[in-house]
């Protein structure tokens, strides 16, 4: 069964018209936080769903690391930053 993380967000409007979303992931084994840049206004539910989707992709990519079978490098997502403490 997959664990669903609780995500707390706070937003900040930028002068460029974009929205910076700072998020904290609760319930993960290590403390994680990060930032997401949103280009258009979205409801909070869609923002949290997008963060969960990007977290899932990042975690899946980390599990596929195998030195014997290298995979093609993935392009960096410059609108999503994830840190762990």
PDB file of N, CA and C in Angstrom:
ATOM      1  N   UNK A   1       0.833  -1.171   0.000  1.00  0.00           N
ATOM      2  CA  UNK A   1       0.000   0.000   0.000  1.00  0.00           C
ATOM      3  C   UNK A   1       0.885   1.243   0.000  1.00  0.00           C
ATOM      4  N   UNK A   2       0.568   2.183  -0.843  1.00  0.00           N
ATOM      5  CA  UNK A   2       1.380   3.389  -0.981  1.00  0.00           C
ATOM      6  C   UNK A   2       1.001   4.395   0.092  1.00  0.00           C
ATOM      7  N   UNK A   3       2.006   5.024   0.674  1.00  0.00           N
ATOM      8  CA  UNK A   3       1.783   6.016   1.719  1.00  0.00           C
ATOM      9  C   UNK A   3       1.445   7.352   1.076  1.00  0.00           C
ATOM     10  N   UNK A   4       0.424   8.002   1.606  1.00  0.00           N
ATOM     11  CA  UNK A   4       0.048   9.316   1.121  1.00  0.00           C
ATOM     12  C   UNK A   4       0.632  10.342   2.078  1.00  0.00           C
ATOM     13  N   UNK A   5       1.439  11.236   1.548  1.00  0.00           N
ATOM     14  CA  UNK A   5       2.078  12.259   2.359  1.00  0.00           C
ATOM     15  C   UNK A   5       1.136  13.436   2.554  1.00  0.00           C
ATOM     16  N   UNK A   6       1.230  14.064   3.721  1.00  0.00           N
ATOM     17  CA  UNK A   6       0.486  15.282   3.978  1.00  0.00           C
ATOM     18  C   UNK A   6       1.364  16.441   3.551  1.00  0.00           C
ATOM     19  N   UNK A   7       0.821  17.344   2.772  1.00  0.00           N
ATOM     20  CA  UNK A   7       1.586  18.463   2.231  1.00  0.00           C
ATOM     21  C   UNK A   7       0.982  19.771   2.722  1.00  0.00           C
ATOM     22  N   UNK A   8       1.811  20.587   3.351  1.00  0.00           N
ATOM     23  CA  UNK A   8       1.414  21.933   3.776  1.00  0.00           C
ATOM     24  C   UNK A   8       2.053  22.924   2.816  1.00  0.00           C
ATOM     25  N   UNK A   9       1.260  23.904   2.364  1.00  0.00           N
ATOM     26  CA  UNK A   9       1.790  24.873   1.408  1.00  0.00           C
ATOM     27  C   UNK A   9       1.573  26.300   1.905  1.00  0.00           C
ATOM     28  N   UNK A  10       2.430  27.179   1.412  1.00  0.00           N
ATOM     29  CA  UNK A  10       2.250  28.620   1.551  1.00  0.00           C
ATOM     30  C   UNK A  10       2.635  29.228   0.212  1.00  0.00           C
ATOM     31  N   UNK A  11       1.969  30.304  -0.167  1.00  0.00           N
ATOM     32  CA  UNK A  11       2.200  30.890  -1.483  1.00  0.00           C
ATOM     33  C   UNK A  11       2.692  32.325  -1.364  1.00  0.00           C
ATOM     34  N   UNK A  12       3.364  32.746  -2.427  1.00  0.00           N
ATOM     35  CA  UNK A  12       3.871  34.115  -2.506  1.00  0.00           C
ATOM     36  C   UNK A  12       3.752  34.566  -3.955  1.00  0.00           C
ATOM     37  N   UNK A  13       3.110  35.694  -4.181  1.00  0.00           N
ATOM     38  CA  UNK A  13       3.002  36.256  -5.515  1.00  0.00           C
ATOM     39  C   UNK A  13       4.315  36.941  -5.881  1.00  0.00           C
ATOM     40  N   UNK A  14       4.817  36.640  -7.064  1.00  0.00           N
ATOM     41  CA  UNK A  14       6.069  37.234  -7.534  1.00  0.00           C
ATOM     42  C   UNK A  14       5.773  38.397  -8.470  1.00  0.00           C
ATOM     43  N   UNK A  15       6.735  39.282  -8.642  1.00  0.00           N
ATOM     44  CA  UNK A  15       6.548  40.451  -9.507  1.00  0.00           C
ATOM     45  C   UNK A  15       6.363  40.052 -10.969  1.00  0.00           C
ATOM     46  N   UNK A  16       6.781  38.862 -11.327  1.00  0.00           N
ATOM     47  CA  UNK A  16       6.630  38.384 -12.705  1.00  0.00           C
ATOM     48  C   UNK A  16       5.200  37.938 -13.005  1.00  0.00           C
ATOM     49  N   UNK A  17       4.359  37.865 -11.979  1.00  0.00           N
ATOM     50  CA  UNK A  17       2.997  37.396 -12.164  1.00  0.00           C
ATOM     51  C   UNK A  17       2.840  35.920 -11.835  1.00  0.00           C
ATOM     52  N   UNK A  18       3.951  35.234 -11.638  1.00  0.00           N
ATOM     53  CA  UNK A  18       3.909  33.824 -11.250  1.00  0.00           C
ATOM     54  C   UNK A  18       3.663  33.704  -9.752  1.00  0.00           C
ATOM     55  N   UNK A  19       3.394  32.484  -9.337  1.00  0.00           N
ATOM     56  CA  UNK A  19       3.139  32.201  -7.930  1.00  0.00           C
ATOM     57  C   UNK A  19       4.174  31.206  -7.439  1.00  0.00           C
ATOM     58  N   UNK A  20       4.872  31.553  -6.364  1.00  0.00           N
ATOM     59  CA  UNK A  20       5.841  30.650  -5.752  1.00  0.00           C
ATOM     60  C   UNK A  20       5.144  29.910  -4.624  1.00  0.00           C
ATOM     61  N   UNK A  21       5.185  28.580  -4.687  1.00  0.00           N
ATOM     62  CA  UNK A  21       4.553  27.752  -3.673  1.00  0.00           C
ATOM     63  C   UNK A  21       5.654  27.060  -2.880  1.00  0.00           C
ATOM     64  N   UNK A  22       5.686  27.320  -1.574  1.00  0.00           N
ATOM     65  CA  UNK A  22       6.623  26.635  -0.694  1.00  0.00           C
ATOM     66  C   UNK A  22       5.841  25.523  -0.013  1.00  0.00           C
ATOM     67  N   UNK A  23       6.402  24.308  -0.010  1.00  0.00           N
ATOM     68  CA  UNK A  23       5.667  23.193   0.575  1.00  0.00           C
ATOM     69  C   UNK A  23       6.551  22.390   1.524  1.00  0.00           C
ATOM     70  N   UNK A  24       5.899  21.775   2.501  1.00  0.00           N
ATOM     71  CA  UNK A  24       6.526  20.874   3.452  1.00  0.00           C
ATOM     72  C   UNK A  24       5.814  19.537   3.361  1.00  0.00           C
ATOM     73  N   UNK A  25       6.564  18.457   3.300  1.00  0.00           N
ATOM     74  CA  UNK A  25       6.002  17.111   3.225  1.00  0.00           C
ATOM     75  C   UNK A  25       6.082  16.488   4.609  1.00  0.00           C
ATOM     76  N   UNK A  26       4.939  16.156   5.164  1.00  0.00           N
ATOM     77  CA  UNK A  26       4.881  15.502   6.466  1.00  0.00           C
ATOM     78  C   UNK A  26       4.543  14.040   6.254  1.00  0.00           C
ATOM     79  N   UNK A  27       5.103  13.190   7.079  1.00  0.00           N
ATOM     80  CA  UNK A  27       4.812  11.770   6.983  1.00  0.00           C
ATOM     81  C   UNK A  27       5.835  10.983   6.187  1.00  0.00           C
ATOM     82  N   UNK A  28       6.848  11.633   5.677  1.00  0.00           N
ATOM     83  CA  UNK A  28       7.901  10.919   4.969  1.00  0.00           C
ATOM     84  C   UNK A  28       9.007  10.570   5.964  1.00  0.00           C
ATOM     85  N   UNK A  29       9.806   9.536   5.668  1.00  0.00           N
ATOM     86  CA  UNK A  29      10.869   9.139   6.606  1.00  0.00           C
ATOM     87  C   UNK A  29      11.885  10.246   6.868  1.00  0.00           C
ATOM     88  N   UNK A  30      12.128  11.081   5.881  1.00  0.00           N
ATOM     89  CA  UNK A  30      13.043  12.206   6.073  1.00  0.00           C
ATOM     90  C   UNK A  30      12.264  13.499   5.824  1.00  0.00           C
ATOM     91  N   UNK A  31      12.668  14.561   6.491  1.00  0.00           N
ATOM     92  CA  UNK A  31      11.997  15.838   6.312  1.00  0.00           C
ATOM     93  C   UNK A  31      12.262  16.357   4.912  1.00  0.00           C
ATOM     94  N   UNK A  32      11.213  16.668   4.192  1.00  0.00           N
ATOM     95  CA  UNK A  32      11.353  17.202   2.840  1.00  0.00           C
ATOM     96  C   UNK A  32      10.570  18.506   2.730  1.00  0.00           C
ATOM     97  N   UNK A  33      11.145  19.430   1.970  1.00  0.00           N
ATOM     98  CA  UNK A  33      10.473  20.684   1.662  1.00  0.00           C
ATOM     99  C   UNK A  33      10.935  21.126   0.293  1.00  0.00           C
ATOM    100  N   UNK A  34      10.221  22.060  -0.285  1.00  0.00           N
ATOM    101  CA  UNK A  34      10.628  22.508  -1.605  1.00  0.00           C
ATOM    102  C   UNK A  34       9.789  23.663  -2.102  1.00  0.00           C
ATOM    103  N   UNK A  35      10.009  23.961  -3.364  1.00  0.00           N
ATOM    104  CA  UNK A  35       9.345  25.084  -4.015  1.00  0.00           C
ATOM    105  C   UNK A  35       8.823  24.635  -5.374  1.00  0.00           C
ATOM    106  N   UNK A  36       7.672  25.192  -5.746  1.00  0.00           N
ATOM    107  CA  UNK A  36       7.076  24.956  -7.053  1.00  0.00           C
ATOM    108  C   UNK A  36       6.698  26.302  -7.633  1.00  0.00           C
ATOM    109  N   UNK A  37       7.044  26.529  -8.879  1.00  0.00           N
ATOM    110  CA  UNK A  37       6.675  27.758  -9.562  1.00  0.00           C
ATOM    111  C   UNK A  37       5.434  27.486 -10.404  1.00  0.00           C
ATOM    112  N   UNK A  38       4.364  28.229 -10.138  1.00  0.00           N
ATOM    113  CA  UNK A  38       3.105  28.057 -10.852  1.00  0.00           C
ATOM    114  C   UNK A  38       2.918  29.255 -11.773  1.00  0.00           C
ATOM    115  N   UNK A  39       2.696  28.979 -13.058  1.00  0.00           N
ATOM    116  CA  UNK A  39       2.600  30.046 -14.047  1.00  0.00           C
ATOM    117  C   UNK A  39       1.218  30.646 -14.197  1.00  0.00           C
ATOM    118  N   UNK A  40       0.195  29.931 -13.755  1.00  0.00           N
ATOM    119  CA  UNK A  40      -1.176  30.412 -13.897  1.00  0.00           C
ATOM    120  C   UNK A  40      -1.931  30.138 -12.605  1.00  0.00           C
ATOM    121  N   UNK A  41      -2.977  30.899 -12.324  1.00  0.00           N
ATOM    122  CA  UNK A  41      -3.741  30.663 -11.097  1.00  0.00           C
ATOM    123  C   UNK A  41      -4.400  29.281 -11.121  1.00  0.00           C
ATOM    124  N   UNK A  42      -4.256  28.560 -10.019  1.00  0.00           N
ATOM    125  CA  UNK A  42      -4.835  27.229  -9.895  1.00  0.00           C
ATOM    126  C   UNK A  42      -5.447  27.085  -8.515  1.00  0.00           C
ATOM    127  N   UNK A  43      -6.463  26.237  -8.377  1.00  0.00           N
ATOM    128  CA  UNK A  43      -6.998  25.956  -7.040  1.00  0.00           C
ATOM    129  C   UNK A  43      -5.972  25.197  -6.201  1.00  0.00           C
ATOM    130  N   UNK A  44      -6.106  25.287  -4.893  1.00  0.00           N
ATOM    131  CA  UNK A  44      -5.165  24.658  -3.971  1.00  0.00           C
ATOM    132  C   UNK A  44      -5.108  23.148  -4.199  1.00  0.00           C
ATOM    133  N   UNK A  45      -6.236  22.529  -4.457  1.00  0.00           N
ATOM    134  CA  UNK A  45      -6.270  21.085  -4.684  1.00  0.00           C
ATOM    135  C   UNK A  45      -5.435  20.668  -5.886  1.00  0.00           C
ATOM    136  N   UNK A  46      -5.468  21.452  -6.950  1.00  0.00           N
ATOM    137  CA  UNK A  46      -4.664  21.144  -8.139  1.00  0.00           C
ATOM    138  C   UNK A  46      -3.174  21.331  -7.860  1.00  0.00           C
ATOM    139  N   UNK A  47      -2.836  22.338  -7.072  1.00  0.00           N
ATOM    140  CA  UNK A  47      -1.424  22.578  -6.737  1.00  0.00           C
ATOM    141  C   UNK A  47      -0.888  21.412  -5.914  1.00  0.00           C
ATOM    142  N   UNK A  48      -1.652  20.963  -4.926  1.00  0.00           N
ATOM    143  CA  UNK A  48      -1.205  19.843  -4.087  1.00  0.00           C
ATOM    144  C   UNK A  48      -1.104  18.572  -4.919  1.00  0.00           C
ATOM    145  N   UNK A  49      -2.061  18.350  -5.832  1.00  0.00           N
ATOM    146  CA  UNK A  49      -2.009  17.169  -6.699  1.00  0.00           C
ATOM    147  C   UNK A  49      -0.773  17.211  -7.597  1.00  0.00           C
ATOM    148  N   UNK A  50      -0.430  18.396  -8.098  1.00  0.00           N
ATOM    149  CA  UNK A  50       0.767  18.526  -8.933  1.00  0.00           C
ATOM    150  C   UNK A  50       2.036  18.246  -8.132  1.00  0.00           C
ATOM    151  N   UNK A  51       2.095  18.729  -6.892  1.00  0.00           N
ATOM    152  CA  UNK A  51       3.255  18.462  -6.036  1.00  0.00           C
ATOM    153  C   UNK A  51       3.366  16.963  -5.770  1.00  0.00           C
ATOM    154  N   UNK A  52       2.256  16.312  -5.457  1.00  0.00           N
ATOM    155  CA  UNK A  52       2.266  14.867  -5.211  1.00  0.00           C
ATOM    156  C   UNK A  52       2.722  14.105  -6.444  1.00  0.00           C
ATOM    157  N   UNK A  53       2.263  14.526  -7.612  1.00  0.00           N
ATOM    158  CA  UNK A  53       2.656  13.873  -8.860  1.00  0.00           C
ATOM    159  C   UNK A  53       4.159  14.024  -9.111  1.00  0.00           C
ATOM    160  N   UNK A  54       4.682  15.206  -8.910  1.00  0.00           N
ATOM    161  CA  UNK A  54       6.117  15.426  -9.128  1.00  0.00           C
ATOM    162  C   UNK A  54       6.966  14.699  -8.092  1.00  0.00           C
ATOM    163  N   UNK A  55       6.476  14.621  -6.848  1.00  0.00           N
ATOM    164  CA  UNK A  55       7.174  13.846  -5.826  1.00  0.00           C
ATOM    165  C   UNK A  55       7.226  12.375  -6.210  1.00  0.00           C
ATOM    166  N   UNK A  56       6.110  11.853  -6.700  1.00  0.00           N
ATOM    167  CA  UNK A  56       6.054  10.443  -7.095  1.00  0.00           C
ATOM    168  C   UNK A  56       7.017  10.166  -8.250  1.00  0.00           C
ATOM    169  N   UNK A  57       7.076  11.071  -9.233  1.00  0.00           N
ATOM    170  CA  UNK A  57       8.011  10.893 -10.356  1.00  0.00           C
ATOM    171  C   UNK A  57       9.452  10.948  -9.877  1.00  0.00           C
ATOM    172  N   UNK A  58       9.764  11.869  -8.962  1.00  0.00           N
ATOM    173  CA  UNK A  58      11.127  12.004  -8.444  1.00  0.00           C
ATOM    174  C   UNK A  58      11.529  10.750  -7.677  1.00  0.00           C
ATOM    175  N   UNK A  59      10.620  10.223  -6.853  1.00  0.00           N
ATOM    176  CA  UNK A  59      10.920   9.018  -6.074  1.00  0.00           C
ATOM    177  C   UNK A  59      11.051   7.795  -6.975  1.00  0.00           C
ATOM    178  N   UNK A  60      10.221   7.692  -8.003  1.00  0.00           N
ATOM    179  CA  UNK A  60      10.311   6.565  -8.930  1.00  0.00           C
ATOM    180  C   UNK A  60      11.627   6.611  -9.688  1.00  0.00           C
ATOM    181  N   UNK A  61      12.062   7.793 -10.082  1.00  0.00           N
ATOM    182  CA  UNK A  61      13.335   7.925 -10.798  1.00  0.00           C
ATOM    183  C   UNK A  61      14.501   7.542  -9.890  1.00  0.00           C
ATOM    184  N   UNK A  62      14.399   7.862  -8.602  1.00  0.00           N
ATOM    185  CA  UNK A  62      15.480   7.523  -7.667  1.00  0.00           C
ATOM    186  C   UNK A  62      15.568   6.019  -7.459  1.00  0.00           C
ATOM    187  N   UNK A  63      14.458   5.314  -7.544  1.00  0.00           N
ATOM    188  CA  UNK A  63      14.458   3.866  -7.354  1.00  0.00           C
ATOM    189  C   UNK A  63      15.000   3.129  -8.569  1.00  0.00           C
ATOM    190  N   UNK A  64      14.992   3.761  -9.731  1.00  0.00           N
ATOM    191  CA  UNK A  64      15.453   3.103 -10.952  1.00  0.00           C
ATOM    192  C   UNK A  64      16.949   3.238 -11.180  1.00  0.00           C
ATOM    193  N   UNK A  65      17.649   3.809 -10.248  1.00  0.00           N
ATOM    194  CA  UNK A  65      19.097   3.986 -10.416  1.00  0.00           C
ATOM    195  C   UNK A  65      19.783   2.633 -10.274  1.00  0.00           C
ATOM    196  N   UNK A  66      20.435   2.207 -11.334  1.00  0.00           N
ATOM    197  CA  UNK A  66      21.151   0.939 -11.343  1.00  0.00           C
ATOM    198  C   UNK A  66      22.441   1.162 -12.135  1.00  0.00           C
ATOM    199  N   UNK A  67      23.596   1.022 -11.494  1.00  0.00           N
ATOM    200  CA  UNK A  67      24.852   1.310 -12.186  1.00  0.00           C
ATOM    201  C   UNK A  67      25.128   0.366 -13.358  1.00  0.00           C
ATOM    202  N   UNK A  68      24.526  -0.822 -13.362  1.00  0.00           N
ATOM    203  CA  UNK A  68      24.768  -1.764 -14.452  1.00  0.00           C
ATOM    204  C   UNK A  68      23.891  -1.496 -15.673  1.00  0.00           C
ATOM    205  N   UNK A  69      22.775  -0.845 -15.456  1.00  0.00           N
ATOM    206  CA  UNK A  69      21.849  -0.551 -16.548  1.00  0.00           C
ATOM    207  C   UNK A  69      21.499   0.927 -16.530  1.00  0.00           C
ATOM    208  N   UNK A  70      22.388   1.759 -17.035  1.00  0.00           N
ATOM    209  CA  UNK A  70      22.107   3.202 -17.012  1.00  0.00           C
ATOM    210  C   UNK A  70      20.912   3.537 -17.903  1.00  0.00           C
ATOM    211  N   UNK A  71      20.134   4.509 -17.451  1.00  0.00           N
ATOM    212  CA  UNK A  71      19.009   4.976 -18.242  1.00  0.00           C
ATOM    213  C   UNK A  71      19.341   6.364 -18.772  1.00  0.00           C
ATOM    214  N   UNK A  72      18.597   6.771 -19.759  1.00  0.00           N
ATOM    215  CA  UNK A  72      18.840   8.077 -20.361  1.00  0.00           C
ATOM    216  C   UNK A  72      18.614   9.167 -19.313  1.00  0.00           C
ATOM    217  N   UNK A  73      19.454  10.185 -19.306  1.00  0.00           N
ATOM    218  CA  UNK A  73      19.276  11.253 -18.318  1.00  0.00           C
ATOM    219  C   UNK A  73      17.946  11.956 -18.529  1.00  0.00           C
ATOM    220  N   UNK A  74      17.327  12.305 -17.412  1.00  0.00           N
ATOM    221  CA  UNK A  74      16.049  12.996 -17.457  1.00  0.00           C
ATOM    222  C   UNK A  74      16.309  14.497 -17.428  1.00  0.00           C
ATOM    223  N   UNK A  75      15.505  15.243 -18.163  1.00  0.00           N
ATOM    224  CA  UNK A  75      15.691  16.689 -18.164  1.00  0.00           C
ATOM    225  C   UNK A  75      15.305  17.239 -16.800  1.00  0.00           C
ATOM    226  N   UNK A  76      16.004  18.261 -16.377  1.00  0.00           N
ATOM    227  CA  UNK A  76      15.736  18.876 -15.082  1.00  0.00           C
ATOM    228  C   UNK A  76      14.431  19.648 -15.128  1.00  0.00           C
ATOM    229  N   UNK A  77      13.717  19.600 -14.039  1.00  0.00           N
ATOM    230  CA  UNK A  77      12.478  20.340 -13.885  1.00  0.00           C
ATOM    231  C   UNK A  77      12.807  21.625 -13.133  1.00  0.00           C
ATOM    232  N   UNK A  78      12.931  22.715 -13.849  1.00  0.00           N
ATOM    233  CA  UNK A  78      13.384  23.972 -13.251  1.00  0.00           C
ATOM    234  C   UNK A  78      12.289  24.695 -12.476  1.00  0.00           C
ATOM    235  N   UNK A  79      11.046  24.183 -12.520  1.00  0.00           N
ATOM    236  CA  UNK A  79       9.953  24.782 -11.771  1.00  0.00           C
ATOM    237  C   UNK A  79       9.686  24.040 -10.465  1.00  0.00           C
ATOM    238  N   UNK A  80      10.475  23.001 -10.165  1.00  0.00           N
ATOM    239  CA  UNK A  80      10.228  22.195  -8.980  1.00  0.00           C
ATOM    240  C   UNK A  80      11.558  21.894  -8.297  1.00  0.00           C
ATOM    241  N   UNK A  81      11.680  22.307  -7.042  1.00  0.00           N
ATOM    242  CA  UNK A  81      12.889  22.071  -6.269  1.00  0.00           C
ATOM    243  C   UNK A  81      12.504  21.318  -5.005  1.00  0.00           C
ATOM    244  N   UNK A  82      13.254  20.259  -4.689  1.00  0.00           N
ATOM    245  CA  UNK A  82      12.977  19.444  -3.522  1.00  0.00           C
ATOM    246  C   UNK A  82      14.247  19.315  -2.705  1.00  0.00           C
ATOM    247  N   UNK A  83      14.121  19.549  -1.399  1.00  0.00           N
ATOM    248  CA  UNK A  83      15.242  19.462  -0.483  1.00  0.00           C
ATOM    249  C   UNK A  83      14.874  18.518   0.653  1.00  0.00           C
ATOM    250  N   UNK A  84      15.880  17.894   1.254  1.00  0.00           N
ATOM    251  CA  UNK A  84      15.630  17.079   2.443  1.00  0.00           C
ATOM    252  C   UNK A  84      16.616  17.488   3.522  1.00  0.00           C
ATOM    253  N   UNK A  85      16.119  17.453   4.741  1.00  0.00           N
ATOM    254  CA  UNK A  85      16.943  17.886   5.866  1.00  0.00           C
ATOM    255  C   UNK A  85      17.458  16.702   6.643  1.00  0.00           C
TER     256      UNK A  85
END
